[in-house]
Protein backbone atom coordinates (compact mmCIF):
# COMPACT_ATOMS: atom_id res chain seq x y z
CA MET A 1 -6.82 15.03 19.41
CA ASN A 2 -4.07 12.67 20.53
CA ASN A 3 -2.23 9.96 18.62
CA GLU A 4 -4.79 7.34 19.69
CA ASN A 5 -7.11 8.83 17.10
CA ASN A 6 -4.79 7.99 14.23
CA PHE A 7 -6.39 5.39 11.94
CA ASN A 8 -3.18 3.36 12.30
CA PHE A 9 -2.97 2.21 8.71
CA LYS A 10 -0.61 -0.59 9.72
CA LYS A 11 -3.54 -2.51 11.20
CA LYS A 12 -4.91 -3.60 7.86
CA LEU A 13 -6.41 -6.84 6.71
CA ASN A 14 -4.35 -8.75 4.13
CA GLU A 15 -2.09 -5.81 3.19
CA ASN A 16 0.38 -7.84 1.16
CA THR A 17 -2.45 -9.71 -0.55
CA ARG A 18 -4.00 -6.44 -1.73
CA PHE A 19 -0.68 -5.28 -3.16
CA ASP A 20 -0.04 -8.62 -4.85
CA ASP A 21 -3.58 -8.63 -6.27
CA ILE A 22 -3.00 -5.41 -8.15
CA LEU A 23 0.32 -6.61 -9.60
CA LYS A 24 -1.51 -9.00 -11.93
CA TYR A 25 -2.67 -5.91 -13.84
CA VAL A 26 0.84 -4.53 -14.33
CA ASP A 27 3.21 -5.28 -17.22
CA ILE A 28 5.37 -8.27 -16.35
CA GLU A 29 8.67 -6.40 -16.37
CA ILE A 30 7.41 -3.77 -13.93
CA ARG A 31 5.68 -6.52 -11.97
CA ASN A 32 9.02 -8.25 -11.43
CA ILE A 33 10.53 -5.05 -10.03
CA LEU A 34 7.58 -4.34 -7.73
CA SER A 35 7.26 -7.90 -6.46
CA LYS A 36 10.73 -7.69 -4.89
CA ILE A 37 9.89 -4.70 -2.69
CA SER A 38 10.19 -5.48 1.01
CA SER A 39 7.07 -6.65 2.84
CA LYS A 40 7.15 -3.69 5.23
CA HIS A 41 6.84 -1.33 2.26
CA LYS A 42 4.19 -3.39 0.49
CA LYS A 43 1.92 -2.99 3.51
CA VAL A 44 1.76 0.79 3.19
CA ILE A 45 1.92 1.39 -0.56
CA GLU A 46 -1.03 3.53 -1.62
CA GLU A 47 -0.34 4.26 -5.29
CA ILE A 48 1.79 3.01 -8.17
CA ARG A 49 2.41 5.74 -10.75
CA LEU A 50 3.38 4.97 -14.33
CA ARG A 51 4.31 7.99 -16.49
CA VAL A 52 5.75 7.62 -19.96
CA ASN A 53 9.56 7.99 -20.00
CA GLN A 54 9.58 8.98 -16.31
CA PRO A 55 10.74 7.12 -13.19
CA LEU A 56 8.44 4.49 -11.69
CA MET A 57 6.99 6.11 -8.57
CA LEU A 58 5.22 4.84 -5.47
CA SER A 59 3.26 6.67 -2.78
CA LEU A 60 3.75 5.43 0.79
CA ASN A 61 2.30 7.15 3.86
CA GLY A 62 1.71 10.31 1.86
CA LEU A 63 5.28 10.53 0.51
CA ASP A 64 6.65 9.90 -2.99
CA TYR A 65 9.30 7.24 -3.54
CA PHE A 66 11.25 6.25 -6.64
CA ILE A 67 12.47 2.74 -7.33
CA ASP A 68 15.68 1.48 -8.95
CA ASN A 69 16.37 -1.70 -10.91
CA PHE A 70 17.10 -3.54 -7.66
CA SER A 71 13.68 -2.70 -6.13
CA GLN A 72 15.18 -0.24 -3.65
CA LEU A 73 13.17 2.86 -2.73
CA TYR A 74 14.51 6.42 -2.56
CA THR A 75 12.93 9.77 -1.85
CA ASN A 76 15.58 11.75 -3.77
CA PRO A 77 16.20 11.58 -7.53
CA LYS A 78 18.94 9.28 -8.82
CA THR A 79 20.33 8.59 -12.26
CA ASP A 80 19.57 4.86 -12.18
CA PHE A 81 15.86 4.94 -11.42
CA TYR A 82 13.67 2.48 -13.26
CA ILE A 83 12.18 4.33 -16.26
CA VAL A 84 8.68 3.49 -17.50
CA GLU A 85 8.53 3.02 -21.26
CA LYS A 86 5.41 3.61 -23.34
CA LYS A 87 5.08 -0.09 -24.16
CA PHE A 88 4.81 -0.90 -20.43
CA ILE A 89 1.96 1.59 -20.02
CA ASP A 90 0.16 0.17 -23.06
CA LYS A 91 0.50 -3.39 -21.78
CA THR A 92 -0.69 -2.44 -18.30
CA PHE A 93 -3.68 -0.63 -19.78
CA GLN A 94 -4.60 -3.71 -21.80
CA LEU A 95 -4.39 -5.91 -18.71
CA CYS A 96 -6.62 -3.51 -16.75
CA CYS A 97 -9.18 -3.70 -19.58
CA ASN A 98 -8.90 -7.47 -19.77
CA HIS A 99 -7.72 -6.98 -23.38
CA SER A 100 -11.10 -5.50 -24.31
CA ILE A 101 -10.93 -1.69 -24.35
CA TYR A 102 -14.39 -1.51 -25.97
CA ALA A 103 -15.97 -3.25 -22.96
CA TYR A 104 -14.56 -0.56 -20.64
CA GLU A 105 -15.43 2.51 -22.73
CA GLU A 106 -17.83 3.95 -20.13
CA ASP A 107 -15.16 3.68 -17.42
CA ILE A 108 -12.37 5.00 -19.62
CA LYS A 109 -14.22 8.19 -20.56
CA ARG A 110 -14.68 8.89 -16.83
CA GLY A 111 -10.93 8.59 -16.39
CA PHE A 112 -10.72 5.45 -14.27
CA ILE A 113 -11.30 1.70 -14.22
CA THR A 114 -12.38 -0.15 -11.08
CA LEU A 115 -10.82 -3.60 -10.68
CA LYS A 116 -11.80 -6.64 -8.68
CA GLY A 117 -11.05 -5.95 -5.04
CA GLY A 118 -12.00 -2.28 -5.38
CA HIS A 119 -8.64 -1.15 -6.74
CA ARG A 120 -8.80 1.83 -9.08
CA ILE A 121 -6.73 2.70 -12.15
CA GLY A 122 -6.63 6.41 -13.05
CA ILE A 123 -6.09 7.16 -16.74
CA VAL A 124 -4.89 10.23 -18.66
CA GLY A 125 -3.82 10.72 -22.27
CA SER A 126 -5.52 12.29 -25.30
CA ALA A 127 -9.20 12.90 -24.64
CA ILE A 128 -11.58 12.56 -27.59
CA HIS A 129 -14.52 14.98 -27.35
CA GLY A 130 -17.98 14.61 -28.85
CA ASN A 131 -21.35 16.30 -28.49
CA LYS A 132 -21.86 14.78 -25.05
CA GLY A 133 -18.38 15.50 -23.70
CA ILE A 134 -15.45 13.10 -23.45
CA GLU A 135 -16.09 9.98 -25.51
CA THR A 136 -12.85 8.14 -24.75
CA ILE A 137 -9.18 8.58 -23.88
CA LYS A 138 -6.48 7.26 -26.19
CA ASP A 139 -2.67 7.42 -26.42
CA ILE A 140 -2.43 6.78 -22.68
CA THR A 141 0.49 8.64 -21.10
CA SER A 142 -0.01 8.03 -17.37
CA LEU A 143 -1.64 5.44 -15.14
CA ASN A 144 -2.27 5.71 -11.42
CA LEU A 145 -2.91 2.36 -9.73
CA ARG A 146 -4.57 3.09 -6.39
CA ILE A 147 -4.56 0.17 -3.99
CA SER A 148 -7.85 -0.29 -2.21
CA LYS A 149 -7.67 0.14 1.57
CA GLU A 150 -10.42 -1.37 3.67
CA ILE A 151 -9.62 -1.01 7.35
CA ILE A 152 -12.30 -2.42 9.59
CA GLY A 153 -12.67 -0.46 12.84
CA THR A 154 -11.25 2.88 11.73
CA SER A 155 -14.47 4.68 12.68
CA ASP A 156 -14.82 3.11 16.13
CA LYS A 157 -13.24 6.07 17.92
CA ILE A 158 -15.58 8.64 16.38
CA LEU A 159 -18.81 6.67 16.83
CA PRO A 160 -19.53 8.31 20.22
CA TYR A 161 -19.64 11.67 18.41
CA VAL A 162 -21.78 10.47 15.48
CA ILE A 163 -24.38 8.26 17.21
CA LYS A 164 -27.02 10.37 18.93
CA ASN A 165 -29.03 7.61 20.61
CA GLU A 166 -30.18 4.05 19.96
CA ASP A 167 -32.38 5.17 17.07
CA THR A 168 -30.54 7.89 15.17
CA ILE A 169 -27.28 9.71 14.36
CA TYR A 170 -26.14 13.31 13.94
CA HIS A 171 -25.78 14.96 10.54
CA THR A 172 -22.02 14.57 10.07
CA LEU A 173 -19.48 16.20 7.74
CA ILE A 174 -15.93 14.89 7.30
CA VAL A 175 -13.45 17.57 6.20
CA SER A 176 -10.11 16.43 4.83
CA PRO A 177 -7.34 17.33 2.38
CA PRO A 178 -6.72 14.76 -0.38
CA GLN A 179 -5.20 11.43 0.68
CA CYS A 180 -5.83 11.85 4.39
CA GLY A 181 -8.22 8.93 4.76
CA LYS A 182 -11.66 10.50 4.48
CA THR A 183 -13.13 7.82 2.21
CA THR A 184 -11.68 5.06 4.38
CA LEU A 185 -13.26 6.63 7.45
CA LEU A 186 -16.58 7.21 5.69
CA ARG A 187 -16.70 3.62 4.45
CA ASP A 188 -16.18 2.13 7.90
CA LEU A 189 -18.62 4.61 9.44
CA ILE A 190 -21.27 3.42 6.98
CA ARG A 191 -20.55 -0.19 7.99
CA ASN A 192 -20.98 0.56 11.70
CA ILE A 193 -24.16 2.57 11.21
CA SER A 194 -25.63 -0.13 8.98
CA ASN A 195 -24.76 -3.07 11.23
CA GLY A 196 -25.45 -1.41 14.56
CA THR A 197 -23.19 -1.41 17.59
CA LYS A 198 -23.32 -1.97 21.34
CA LEU A 199 -22.47 1.70 21.83
CA LYS A 200 -25.59 3.41 23.15
CA ASP A 201 -27.47 0.21 22.16
CA PHE A 202 -27.50 1.52 18.61
CA LYS A 203 -29.63 -0.85 16.54
CA GLY A 204 -28.46 0.02 13.05
CA LEU A 205 -30.14 2.03 10.29
CA LYS A 206 -30.91 1.63 6.59
CA VAL A 207 -28.15 3.45 4.70
CA GLY A 208 -28.31 4.59 1.09
CA VAL A 209 -24.85 5.14 -0.34
CA LEU A 210 -24.55 7.46 -3.32
CA ASP A 211 -21.19 6.38 -4.73
CA GLU A 212 -20.80 8.67 -7.71
CA ARG A 213 -17.18 7.69 -8.44
CA LEU A 214 -17.30 4.08 -7.16
CA GLU A 215 -14.70 4.89 -4.49
CA ILE A 216 -16.76 4.11 -1.40
CA SER A 217 -18.02 0.70 -2.45
CA GLY A 218 -15.32 -0.31 -4.93
CA MET A 219 -18.14 -1.66 -7.08
CA TYR A 220 -17.01 -4.35 -9.54
CA ASN A 221 -19.46 -6.11 -11.89
CA GLY A 222 -22.36 -5.00 -9.70
CA ILE A 223 -20.85 -6.32 -6.46
CA PRO A 224 -19.46 -3.96 -3.76
CA GLN A 225 -15.91 -5.01 -2.97
CA MET A 226 -16.01 -3.24 0.40
CA ASN A 227 -17.94 -4.17 3.54
CA LEU A 228 -20.64 -1.50 3.86
CA GLY A 229 -22.90 -3.36 6.27
CA ILE A 230 -26.07 -5.43 6.22
CA ARG A 231 -28.61 -2.59 5.82
CA THR A 232 -26.81 -0.71 3.05
CA ASP A 233 -27.96 -0.09 -0.53
CA VAL A 234 -25.46 1.31 -3.05
CA LEU A 235 -26.16 3.48 -6.09
CA THR A 236 -23.12 4.17 -8.30
CA SER A 237 -22.21 6.39 -11.26
CA CYS A 238 -25.09 8.79 -10.68
CA PRO A 239 -25.00 12.58 -10.02
CA LYS A 240 -25.88 13.41 -6.44
CA TYR A 241 -29.18 15.19 -7.05
CA GLU A 242 -30.64 12.47 -9.26
CA GLY A 243 -29.14 9.75 -7.09
CA ILE A 244 -30.49 11.05 -3.80
CA MET A 245 -33.97 11.42 -5.26
CA LEU A 246 -33.77 7.86 -6.64
CA LEU A 247 -32.64 6.46 -3.29
CA ILE A 248 -35.45 8.27 -1.45
CA ARG A 249 -38.08 6.94 -3.84
CA SER A 250 -36.82 3.39 -4.15
CA MET A 251 -35.03 2.39 -0.93
CA SER A 252 -36.49 4.62 1.85
CA PRO A 253 -33.11 5.12 3.57
CA GLN A 254 -32.82 6.52 7.07
CA VAL A 255 -29.29 7.73 6.32
CA ILE A 256 -27.71 8.87 3.05
CA ALA A 257 -23.94 8.82 2.75
CA THR A 258 -21.95 10.38 -0.08
CA ASP A 259 -18.45 11.53 -0.90
CA GLU A 260 -16.98 14.88 -1.96
CA LEU A 261 -19.64 17.57 -1.85
CA GLY A 262 -18.90 20.62 -3.94
CA GLY A 263 -21.31 21.62 -6.70
CA LYS A 264 -24.50 23.62 -6.59
CA ASN A 265 -26.64 20.57 -7.38
CA ASP A 266 -25.03 18.72 -4.47
CA ILE A 267 -26.47 21.32 -2.11
CA VAL A 268 -29.91 21.02 -3.73
CA ALA A 269 -29.72 17.26 -3.22
CA ILE A 270 -28.92 17.70 0.46
CA HIS A 271 -32.00 19.84 0.93
CA GLU A 272 -34.17 17.17 -0.68
CA ALA A 273 -32.83 14.59 1.77
CA LEU A 274 -33.52 16.90 4.69
CA LYS A 275 -37.12 17.37 3.57
CA ALA A 276 -37.52 13.61 3.73
CA GLY A 277 -36.21 13.49 7.29
CA ILE A 278 -33.05 11.63 6.30
CA LYS A 279 -29.78 11.93 8.20
CA LEU A 280 -26.67 12.87 6.21
CA ILE A 281 -23.05 11.79 6.26
CA ALA A 282 -20.78 13.42 3.69
CA THR A 283 -17.20 14.38 3.00
CA VAL A 284 -15.65 17.50 1.53
CA HIS A 285 -12.15 18.49 0.46
CA GLY A 286 -10.61 21.12 2.75
CA GLU A 287 -7.93 21.92 5.28
CA ASN A 288 -10.30 23.40 7.87
CA LEU A 289 -13.61 25.21 8.23
CA ASN A 290 -12.24 28.47 6.89
CA ASP A 291 -11.18 26.64 3.76
CA ILE A 292 -14.61 25.21 2.97
CA MET A 293 -16.31 28.49 3.85
CA ARG A 294 -14.41 30.10 0.99
CA LYS A 295 -15.76 27.61 -1.54
CA PRO A 296 -18.83 28.47 -3.61
CA TYR A 297 -22.06 26.80 -2.42
CA LEU A 298 -20.44 25.02 0.53
CA ASP A 299 -20.61 28.15 2.64
CA GLU A 300 -24.40 28.05 2.17
CA ILE A 301 -24.89 24.73 3.93
CA MET A 302 -22.49 25.78 6.69
CA LYS A 303 -24.50 28.91 7.37
CA GLU A 304 -27.69 26.86 7.39
CA ASN A 305 -26.38 24.78 10.31
CA ILE A 306 -27.19 21.52 8.55
CA PHE A 307 -24.30 19.52 9.98
CA GLU A 308 -24.29 18.89 13.71
CA LYS A 309 -20.86 17.26 13.90
CA ILE A 310 -17.76 18.10 11.85
CA ILE A 311 -14.75 15.78 11.81
CA ILE A 312 -11.49 17.26 10.53
CA LEU A 313 -8.70 14.99 9.30
CA ASP A 314 -5.07 15.61 8.41
CA ASN A 315 -1.84 13.61 8.23
CA SER A 316 0.05 15.29 11.08
CA ASN A 317 0.51 11.93 12.81
CA GLY A 318 0.19 9.80 9.68
CA ILE A 319 -2.61 9.35 7.19
CA GLY A 320 -6.00 9.40 8.87
CA THR A 321 -5.16 11.53 11.88
CA ILE A 322 -8.35 12.87 13.46
CA LYS A 323 -7.40 16.48 14.10
CA ASP A 324 -10.66 17.73 15.60
CA VAL A 325 -14.25 16.70 16.24
CA ILE A 326 -16.46 19.77 16.45
CA ASN A 327 -19.89 20.10 18.02
CA CYS A 328 -21.59 22.81 15.99
CA ASP A 329 -23.13 25.53 18.11
CA LYS A 330 -25.77 26.98 15.80
CA LYS A 331 -25.75 30.38 17.47
CA LEU A 332 -22.18 30.98 16.33
CA TYR A 333 -22.86 30.25 12.67
CA ARG A 334 -24.44 33.65 12.10
CA LYS A 335 -21.20 35.49 11.39
CA LYS A 336 -18.48 34.36 9.02
CA GLU A 337 -15.73 35.56 11.38
CA ASN A 338 -16.76 32.85 13.80
CA TYR A 339 -15.14 30.34 11.46
CA ASN A 340 -11.69 31.47 12.49
CA ALA A 341 -9.48 29.28 14.66
CA TYR A 342 -11.40 27.42 17.36
CA ASN A 343 -11.20 28.60 20.91
CA LYS A 344 -9.15 25.85 22.51
CA ASN A 345 -10.74 26.64 25.85
CA SER A 346 -14.00 25.31 24.47
CA ARG A 347 -12.87 21.68 24.46
CA GLN A 348 -15.61 19.48 25.88
CA PRO A 349 -15.24 16.57 28.33
CA ASP A 350 -15.64 14.12 25.43
CA GLY A 351 -12.66 15.67 23.64
CA SER A 352 -14.62 17.60 21.02
CA TYR A 353 -14.92 21.35 20.54
CA ILE A 354 -17.80 23.77 20.38
CA LEU A 355 -17.26 26.07 17.42
């Protein structure tokens, strides 16, 4: 696919505002350093990493940068980087918990806190185990502040591949390595499918979103922080099998969307949705089809020809590059060797491939 299919992460809404919003949760000394970063960098910052007694680190466009005391960014190590002390991590953690760690216990034991605006704070330290697994995390050693990215219109270019006709869509799987934009694409795809679009006179469908990790919706105090459309119902913090069954019973969705398939129960949940005649949109971690075919359980759904369209992302032309859109020819799914590199001569007039 050409460069036109890049998500173009520079076309964001309120980029600086999102960065400034998350600074209120950071210790004041670190906040002062980060606030002086140039506007052009603020627009593309994805993560702020705080590690005890290590340099303050930022992620921009998929690359790691270190920051000095003058708010200058460098990709190579220097002796005068700004070092994060334990007290700064503790203060930041308190701010993220609104000075009430007890109130955030359920979030903390999952390893993250979702903030207003959909931002997410990853947490690691000393895990305390009980009979039911991790009960809490204490002595925090690292925090990962992930800045929420809502980019309206990122799915527009793939809609012609996903929408089947005015009444329905294709079962669609998004394949992507980490931090290549799959959740951003999924989120905007849900919005378009829920609202409807002039493309093919598509009227819009009821979408049930199973947001197990609160990443799709950015749920905060029961309110989705992301625009998921007017016909969308969101269920958070629920395993996929139980969640899909709940959505089917309670909300009668026409489409179910979920993130990061992987476990055996995820595959069982997919089959339950299919029995109910529901269309599926999902994501999975992977570099390509060969990669996901090597993963336990995922190869099963690939061999069953469940997904009709497969969208593969990478960062070859920046985060969110659409590498391929594949039309799945069911006849070729019978042999595993057919998952090798696509035949480039099979490119279709619409720019997609037949596998």
